[in-house]
Amino acid sequence: MLLTDTVGFISKLPPAIVAAFRATLEELSEAVLLIHVVDFAFPEAPEQCETVEGILADLELLDKPRITALNKIDLTLASDQNWDEASATDYLTEQSPVTAENMVFISAKKGGGLTKILGLVKQALTEAAQIA
């Protein structure tokens, strides 16, 4: 397995910078699975998600299997409330800037949701291997 990280998607990048990263972005076409990590605590997360969707559309990659990982959930949940996984997931789903079949809430810092994302990765890779 090969994991690569592409440049973060930021809206309104100058064309010269987009062109410089074009080769990196074109590597996405070789991927079996894309994992889109969203900074869920960032106020402009919805706009950034739209930018990613636009770039994936430009690269004709919207049909590529994808997992959307909404990161930094530890920063979005009120610390004065006792959250169990089900209530946190329900709350976060209501707040989410995206709706995706393969969406998972994670906290890379605290390790939350990592078991679920690993399960989704395993499932997607298994499905891809069966097709190949």
N, C-alpha and C. Protein backbone atom coordinates (compact mmCIF):
# COMPACT_ATOMS: atom_id res chain seq x y z
N MET A 1 0.85 -1.16 0.00
CA MET A 1 0.00 0.00 0.00
C MET A 1 0.90 1.23 0.00
N LEU A 2 0.49 2.20 -0.75
CA LEU A 2 1.20 3.47 -0.82
C LEU A 2 0.24 4.57 -0.40
N LEU A 3 0.66 5.36 0.57
CA LEU A 3 -0.13 6.51 1.00
C LEU A 3 0.59 7.77 0.58
N THR A 4 -0.14 8.69 -0.01
CA THR A 4 0.46 9.97 -0.36
C THR A 4 -0.44 11.08 0.16
N ASP A 5 0.14 12.21 0.39
CA ASP A 5 -0.59 13.37 0.86
C ASP A 5 -0.45 14.45 -0.20
N THR A 6 -1.58 14.98 -0.63
CA THR A 6 -1.53 16.07 -1.59
C THR A 6 -1.63 17.39 -0.84
N VAL A 7 -1.35 18.44 -1.52
CA VAL A 7 -1.44 19.77 -0.93
C VAL A 7 -2.87 20.01 -0.44
N GLY A 8 -2.98 20.71 0.66
CA GLY A 8 -4.30 21.06 1.15
C GLY A 8 -5.02 21.93 0.14
N PHE A 9 -6.30 21.77 0.04
CA PHE A 9 -7.09 22.55 -0.90
C PHE A 9 -7.50 23.85 -0.23
N ILE A 10 -7.10 24.94 -0.83
CA ILE A 10 -7.46 26.25 -0.31
C ILE A 10 -8.12 27.00 -1.46
N SER A 11 -9.23 27.62 -1.16
CA SER A 11 -9.92 28.34 -2.23
C SER A 11 -9.14 29.58 -2.62
N LYS A 12 -9.34 29.99 -3.84
CA LYS A 12 -8.76 31.21 -4.39
C LYS A 12 -7.23 31.18 -4.46
N LEU A 13 -6.67 30.01 -4.74
CA LEU A 13 -5.22 29.94 -4.95
C LEU A 13 -4.89 30.60 -6.27
N PRO A 14 -3.75 31.28 -6.35
CA PRO A 14 -3.33 31.85 -7.63
C PRO A 14 -3.12 30.73 -8.66
N PRO A 15 -3.45 30.98 -9.92
CA PRO A 15 -3.32 29.96 -10.96
C PRO A 15 -1.91 29.35 -11.03
N ALA A 16 -0.89 30.14 -10.78
CA ALA A 16 0.48 29.62 -10.86
C ALA A 16 0.72 28.55 -9.81
N ILE A 17 0.16 28.73 -8.63
CA ILE A 17 0.33 27.73 -7.56
C ILE A 17 -0.46 26.48 -7.89
N VAL A 18 -1.68 26.65 -8.39
CA VAL A 18 -2.48 25.49 -8.79
C VAL A 18 -1.74 24.70 -9.85
N ALA A 19 -1.16 25.39 -10.82
CA ALA A 19 -0.41 24.72 -11.89
C ALA A 19 0.79 23.96 -11.33
N ALA A 20 1.45 24.54 -10.33
CA ALA A 20 2.62 23.89 -9.74
C ALA A 20 2.24 22.59 -9.04
N PHE A 21 1.04 22.53 -8.48
CA PHE A 21 0.61 21.33 -7.77
C PHE A 21 -0.21 20.39 -8.66
N ARG A 22 -0.37 20.74 -9.91
CA ARG A 22 -1.19 19.94 -10.82
C ARG A 22 -0.69 18.49 -10.91
N ALA A 23 0.62 18.30 -11.00
CA ALA A 23 1.16 16.94 -11.08
C ALA A 23 0.82 16.14 -9.83
N THR A 24 0.91 16.78 -8.68
CA THR A 24 0.54 16.10 -7.44
C THR A 24 -0.93 15.73 -7.45
N LEU A 25 -1.76 16.65 -7.89
CA LEU A 25 -3.19 16.37 -7.94
C LEU A 25 -3.53 15.28 -8.95
N GLU A 26 -2.78 15.25 -10.05
CA GLU A 26 -3.04 14.22 -11.07
C GLU A 26 -2.72 12.82 -10.56
N GLU A 27 -1.86 12.70 -9.54
CA GLU A 27 -1.60 11.40 -8.93
C GLU A 27 -2.86 10.79 -8.35
N LEU A 28 -3.83 11.63 -8.03
CA LEU A 28 -5.08 11.14 -7.46
C LEU A 28 -5.78 10.17 -8.40
N SER A 29 -5.57 10.32 -9.70
CA SER A 29 -6.23 9.44 -10.66
C SER A 29 -5.74 8.00 -10.53
N GLU A 30 -4.53 7.81 -10.00
CA GLU A 30 -3.97 6.47 -9.81
C GLU A 30 -4.44 5.82 -8.51
N ALA A 31 -5.03 6.58 -7.64
CA ALA A 31 -5.43 6.08 -6.32
C ALA A 31 -6.61 5.13 -6.41
N VAL A 32 -6.60 4.16 -5.54
CA VAL A 32 -7.73 3.24 -5.41
C VAL A 32 -8.78 3.86 -4.50
N LEU A 33 -8.32 4.69 -3.57
CA LEU A 33 -9.20 5.28 -2.57
C LEU A 33 -8.68 6.67 -2.21
N LEU A 34 -9.60 7.62 -2.11
CA LEU A 34 -9.25 8.96 -1.65
C LEU A 34 -9.79 9.14 -0.24
N ILE A 35 -8.98 9.74 0.63
CA ILE A 35 -9.46 10.10 1.97
C ILE A 35 -9.37 11.61 2.06
N HIS A 36 -10.53 12.23 2.16
CA HIS A 36 -10.60 13.68 2.27
C HIS A 36 -10.71 14.02 3.75
N VAL A 37 -9.67 14.62 4.30
CA VAL A 37 -9.66 15.02 5.71
C VAL A 37 -10.06 16.49 5.79
N VAL A 38 -11.14 16.74 6.53
CA VAL A 38 -11.69 18.08 6.67
C VAL A 38 -11.43 18.56 8.09
N ASP A 39 -10.95 19.78 8.23
CA ASP A 39 -10.81 20.40 9.55
C ASP A 39 -12.21 20.84 9.98
N PHE A 40 -12.88 19.99 10.73
CA PHE A 40 -14.28 20.21 11.09
C PHE A 40 -14.45 21.42 12.00
N ALA A 41 -13.40 21.83 12.69
CA ALA A 41 -13.47 22.97 13.60
C ALA A 41 -13.27 24.30 12.87
N PHE A 42 -12.83 24.25 11.63
CA PHE A 42 -12.57 25.47 10.87
C PHE A 42 -13.89 26.06 10.37
N PRO A 43 -14.15 27.33 10.64
CA PRO A 43 -15.43 27.93 10.24
C PRO A 43 -15.71 27.87 8.74
N GLU A 44 -14.67 27.85 7.93
CA GLU A 44 -14.88 27.83 6.48
C GLU A 44 -14.81 26.42 5.89
N ALA A 45 -15.01 25.40 6.73
CA ALA A 45 -14.96 24.02 6.25
C ALA A 45 -15.94 23.75 5.11
N PRO A 46 -17.18 24.25 5.17
CA PRO A 46 -18.10 23.99 4.05
C PRO A 46 -17.57 24.52 2.72
N GLU A 47 -17.00 25.73 2.74
CA GLU A 47 -16.46 26.31 1.51
C GLU A 47 -15.27 25.50 1.01
N GLN A 48 -14.42 25.05 1.92
CA GLN A 48 -13.28 24.22 1.52
C GLN A 48 -13.75 22.90 0.91
N CYS A 49 -14.82 22.33 1.46
CA CYS A 49 -15.37 21.09 0.89
C CYS A 49 -15.86 21.33 -0.53
N GLU A 50 -16.50 22.47 -0.74
CA GLU A 50 -16.97 22.81 -2.09
C GLU A 50 -15.79 22.95 -3.05
N THR A 51 -14.70 23.55 -2.58
CA THR A 51 -13.50 23.71 -3.40
C THR A 51 -12.94 22.35 -3.79
N VAL A 52 -12.87 21.44 -2.83
CA VAL A 52 -12.37 20.09 -3.11
C VAL A 52 -13.26 19.41 -4.14
N GLU A 53 -14.57 19.51 -3.97
CA GLU A 53 -15.49 18.90 -4.93
C GLU A 53 -15.28 19.46 -6.33
N GLY A 54 -15.05 20.77 -6.42
CA GLY A 54 -14.81 21.39 -7.71
C GLY A 54 -13.52 20.89 -8.36
N ILE A 55 -12.48 20.77 -7.58
CA ILE A 55 -11.20 20.27 -8.11
C ILE A 55 -11.32 18.82 -8.52
N LEU A 56 -11.99 18.01 -7.71
CA LEU A 56 -12.19 16.60 -8.08
C LEU A 56 -13.03 16.49 -9.35
N ALA A 57 -14.00 17.38 -9.51
CA ALA A 57 -14.81 17.39 -10.74
C ALA A 57 -13.94 17.77 -11.93
N ASP A 58 -13.09 18.79 -11.78
CA ASP A 58 -12.18 19.20 -12.86
C ASP A 58 -11.26 18.06 -13.27
N LEU A 59 -10.84 17.25 -12.30
CA LEU A 59 -9.95 16.13 -12.57
C LEU A 59 -10.71 14.85 -12.95
N GLU A 60 -12.04 14.97 -13.04
CA GLU A 60 -12.93 13.85 -13.37
C GLU A 60 -12.74 12.69 -12.40
N LEU A 61 -12.74 13.00 -11.10
CA LEU A 61 -12.51 12.00 -10.06
C LEU A 61 -13.68 11.86 -9.09
N LEU A 62 -14.82 12.42 -9.43
CA LEU A 62 -15.95 12.35 -8.50
C LEU A 62 -16.45 10.93 -8.27
N ASP A 63 -16.18 10.02 -9.20
CA ASP A 63 -16.62 8.64 -9.04
C ASP A 63 -15.61 7.77 -8.30
N LYS A 64 -14.46 8.33 -7.96
CA LYS A 64 -13.42 7.59 -7.26
C LYS A 64 -13.90 7.29 -5.84
N PRO A 65 -13.73 6.04 -5.35
CA PRO A 65 -14.11 5.73 -3.96
C PRO A 65 -13.43 6.70 -3.00
N ARG A 66 -14.22 7.16 -2.03
CA ARG A 66 -13.72 8.21 -1.14
C ARG A 66 -14.28 8.05 0.26
N ILE A 67 -13.46 8.39 1.24
CA ILE A 67 -13.88 8.49 2.63
C ILE A 67 -13.68 9.95 3.03
N THR A 68 -14.68 10.52 3.67
CA THR A 68 -14.57 11.88 4.18
C THR A 68 -14.39 11.78 5.69
N ALA A 69 -13.24 12.24 6.18
CA ALA A 69 -12.93 12.21 7.60
C ALA A 69 -13.03 13.62 8.16
N LEU A 70 -14.01 13.84 9.01
CA LEU A 70 -14.17 15.14 9.64
C LEU A 70 -13.36 15.13 10.92
N ASN A 71 -12.23 15.82 10.90
CA ASN A 71 -11.25 15.80 11.98
C ASN A 71 -11.48 16.94 12.97
N LYS A 72 -10.87 16.81 14.11
CA LYS A 72 -10.90 17.79 15.21
C LYS A 72 -12.27 17.86 15.88
N ILE A 73 -12.94 16.70 15.97
CA ILE A 73 -14.24 16.69 16.65
C ILE A 73 -14.09 17.06 18.11
N ASP A 74 -12.90 16.81 18.68
CA ASP A 74 -12.68 17.17 20.08
C ASP A 74 -12.81 18.67 20.31
N LEU A 75 -12.61 19.46 19.27
CA LEU A 75 -12.73 20.92 19.40
C LEU A 75 -14.15 21.41 19.14
N THR A 76 -15.01 20.55 18.64
CA THR A 76 -16.36 20.99 18.28
C THR A 76 -17.42 20.55 19.29
N LEU A 77 -17.07 19.62 20.17
CA LEU A 77 -18.02 19.15 21.17
C LEU A 77 -17.85 19.95 22.45
N ALA A 78 -18.95 20.37 23.03
CA ALA A 78 -18.89 21.13 24.28
C ALA A 78 -18.24 20.28 25.37
N SER A 79 -17.22 20.84 26.01
CA SER A 79 -16.48 20.09 27.02
C SER A 79 -17.26 19.91 28.31
N ASP A 80 -18.33 20.67 28.50
CA ASP A 80 -19.11 20.55 29.73
C ASP A 80 -20.20 19.49 29.63
N GLN A 81 -20.24 18.77 28.52
CA GLN A 81 -21.26 17.73 28.34
C GLN A 81 -20.57 16.37 28.22
N ASN A 82 -21.21 15.36 28.77
CA ASN A 82 -20.70 14.00 28.66
C ASN A 82 -21.19 13.40 27.34
N TRP A 83 -20.28 13.18 26.42
CA TRP A 83 -20.67 12.68 25.10
C TRP A 83 -20.39 11.19 25.01
N ASP A 84 -21.42 10.42 24.65
CA ASP A 84 -21.16 9.05 24.25
C ASP A 84 -21.06 9.05 22.73
N GLU A 85 -20.58 7.96 22.16
CA GLU A 85 -20.32 7.95 20.72
C GLU A 85 -21.57 8.21 19.89
N ALA A 86 -22.70 7.61 20.29
CA ALA A 86 -23.93 7.77 19.52
C ALA A 86 -24.43 9.21 19.54
N SER A 87 -24.46 9.83 20.73
CA SER A 87 -24.97 11.21 20.79
C SER A 87 -24.01 12.18 20.11
N ALA A 88 -22.71 11.95 20.22
CA ALA A 88 -21.74 12.80 19.55
C ALA A 88 -21.89 12.68 18.04
N THR A 89 -22.04 11.47 17.54
CA THR A 89 -22.20 11.25 16.10
C THR A 89 -23.48 11.91 15.59
N ASP A 90 -24.58 11.76 16.32
CA ASP A 90 -25.84 12.39 15.92
C ASP A 90 -25.69 13.91 15.85
N TYR A 91 -25.11 14.49 16.89
CA TYR A 91 -24.92 15.94 16.94
C TYR A 91 -24.03 16.41 15.79
N LEU A 92 -22.91 15.73 15.60
CA LEU A 92 -21.96 16.14 14.58
C LEU A 92 -22.53 15.98 13.17
N THR A 93 -23.35 14.95 12.97
CA THR A 93 -23.98 14.75 11.67
C THR A 93 -24.87 15.94 11.33
N GLU A 94 -25.58 16.46 12.33
CA GLU A 94 -26.42 17.64 12.12
C GLU A 94 -25.59 18.87 11.77
N GLN A 95 -24.37 18.96 12.31
CA GLN A 95 -23.51 20.12 12.11
C GLN A 95 -22.62 19.99 10.87
N SER A 96 -22.59 18.84 10.26
CA SER A 96 -21.63 18.54 9.20
C SER A 96 -21.80 19.40 7.96
N PRO A 97 -20.66 19.83 7.38
CA PRO A 97 -20.73 20.60 6.13
C PRO A 97 -20.93 19.71 4.91
N VAL A 98 -20.82 18.42 5.09
CA VAL A 98 -20.96 17.48 3.98
C VAL A 98 -21.88 16.35 4.41
N THR A 99 -22.48 15.73 3.43
CA THR A 99 -23.19 14.49 3.69
C THR A 99 -22.57 13.46 2.76
N ALA A 100 -22.06 12.43 3.36
CA ALA A 100 -21.37 11.42 2.57
C ALA A 100 -21.66 10.05 3.15
N GLU A 101 -21.78 9.10 2.25
CA GLU A 101 -22.02 7.73 2.69
C GLU A 101 -20.86 7.22 3.55
N ASN A 102 -19.66 7.48 3.11
CA ASN A 102 -18.47 7.02 3.82
C ASN A 102 -17.85 8.17 4.60
N MET A 103 -18.60 8.70 5.55
CA MET A 103 -18.13 9.81 6.36
C MET A 103 -17.87 9.32 7.77
N VAL A 104 -16.79 9.82 8.36
CA VAL A 104 -16.45 9.42 9.72
C VAL A 104 -15.96 10.64 10.47
N PHE A 105 -16.33 10.71 11.73
CA PHE A 105 -15.86 11.78 12.61
C PHE A 105 -14.64 11.26 13.36
N ILE A 106 -13.55 12.05 13.33
CA ILE A 106 -12.33 11.60 14.00
C ILE A 106 -11.71 12.74 14.80
N SER A 107 -10.86 12.33 15.71
CA SER A 107 -9.97 13.26 16.40
C SER A 107 -8.59 12.63 16.31
N ALA A 108 -7.79 13.11 15.37
CA ALA A 108 -6.44 12.57 15.22
C ALA A 108 -5.65 12.77 16.50
N LYS A 109 -5.88 13.88 17.17
CA LYS A 109 -5.15 14.20 18.40
C LYS A 109 -5.49 13.24 19.53
N LYS A 110 -6.77 12.92 19.68
CA LYS A 110 -7.21 12.08 20.80
C LYS A 110 -7.52 10.64 20.40
N GLY A 111 -7.44 10.35 19.10
CA GLY A 111 -7.66 8.98 18.64
C GLY A 111 -9.10 8.59 18.41
N GLY A 112 -10.02 9.50 18.55
CA GLY A 112 -11.44 9.19 18.36
C GLY A 112 -11.77 8.88 16.92
N GLY A 113 -12.56 7.84 16.71
CA GLY A 113 -13.03 7.48 15.37
C GLY A 113 -12.03 6.74 14.51
N LEU A 114 -10.83 6.49 15.01
CA LEU A 114 -9.81 5.84 14.19
C LEU A 114 -10.16 4.40 13.86
N THR A 115 -10.80 3.70 14.79
CA THR A 115 -11.23 2.33 14.50
C THR A 115 -12.22 2.30 13.35
N LYS A 116 -13.15 3.26 13.36
CA LYS A 116 -14.15 3.31 12.29
C LYS A 116 -13.51 3.64 10.94
N ILE A 117 -12.60 4.62 10.90
CA ILE A 117 -11.99 4.98 9.62
C ILE A 117 -11.15 3.82 9.09
N LEU A 118 -10.44 3.14 9.97
CA LEU A 118 -9.66 1.98 9.52
C LEU A 118 -10.57 0.89 8.96
N GLY A 119 -11.73 0.71 9.57
CA GLY A 119 -12.70 -0.25 9.04
C GLY A 119 -13.21 0.14 7.66
N LEU A 120 -13.47 1.44 7.47
CA LEU A 120 -13.91 1.91 6.15
C LEU A 120 -12.82 1.75 5.10
N VAL A 121 -11.57 2.01 5.48
CA VAL A 121 -10.45 1.83 4.56
C VAL A 121 -10.33 0.37 4.17
N LYS A 122 -10.39 -0.51 5.15
CA LYS A 122 -10.30 -1.96 4.88
C LYS A 122 -11.42 -2.40 3.94
N GLN A 123 -12.64 -1.94 4.22
CA GLN A 123 -13.78 -2.31 3.37
C GLN A 123 -13.58 -1.81 1.93
N ALA A 124 -13.15 -0.55 1.78
CA ALA A 124 -12.97 0.01 0.44
C ALA A 124 -11.86 -0.71 -0.32
N LEU A 125 -10.76 -1.03 0.35
CA LEU A 125 -9.66 -1.74 -0.31
C LEU A 125 -10.05 -3.16 -0.66
N THR A 126 -10.81 -3.80 0.19
CA THR A 126 -11.30 -5.15 -0.12
C THR A 126 -12.20 -5.13 -1.35
N GLU A 127 -13.10 -4.16 -1.41
CA GLU A 127 -13.99 -4.03 -2.57
C GLU A 127 -13.20 -3.75 -3.83
N ALA A 128 -12.18 -2.90 -3.73
CA ALA A 128 -11.34 -2.57 -4.89
C ALA A 128 -10.57 -3.80 -5.37
N ALA A 129 -10.10 -4.61 -4.45
CA ALA A 129 -9.35 -5.82 -4.80
C ALA A 129 -10.26 -6.84 -5.51
N GLN A 130 -11.51 -6.90 -5.10
CA GLN A 130 -12.45 -7.83 -5.72
C GLN A 130 -12.78 -7.41 -7.14
N ILE A 131 -12.77 -6.11 -7.42
CA ILE A 131 -13.07 -5.60 -8.75
C ILE A 131 -11.89 -5.82 -9.69
N ALA A 132 -10.66 -5.67 -9.15
CA ALA A 132 -9.45 -5.75 -9.98
C ALA A 132 -9.15 -7.13 -10.47
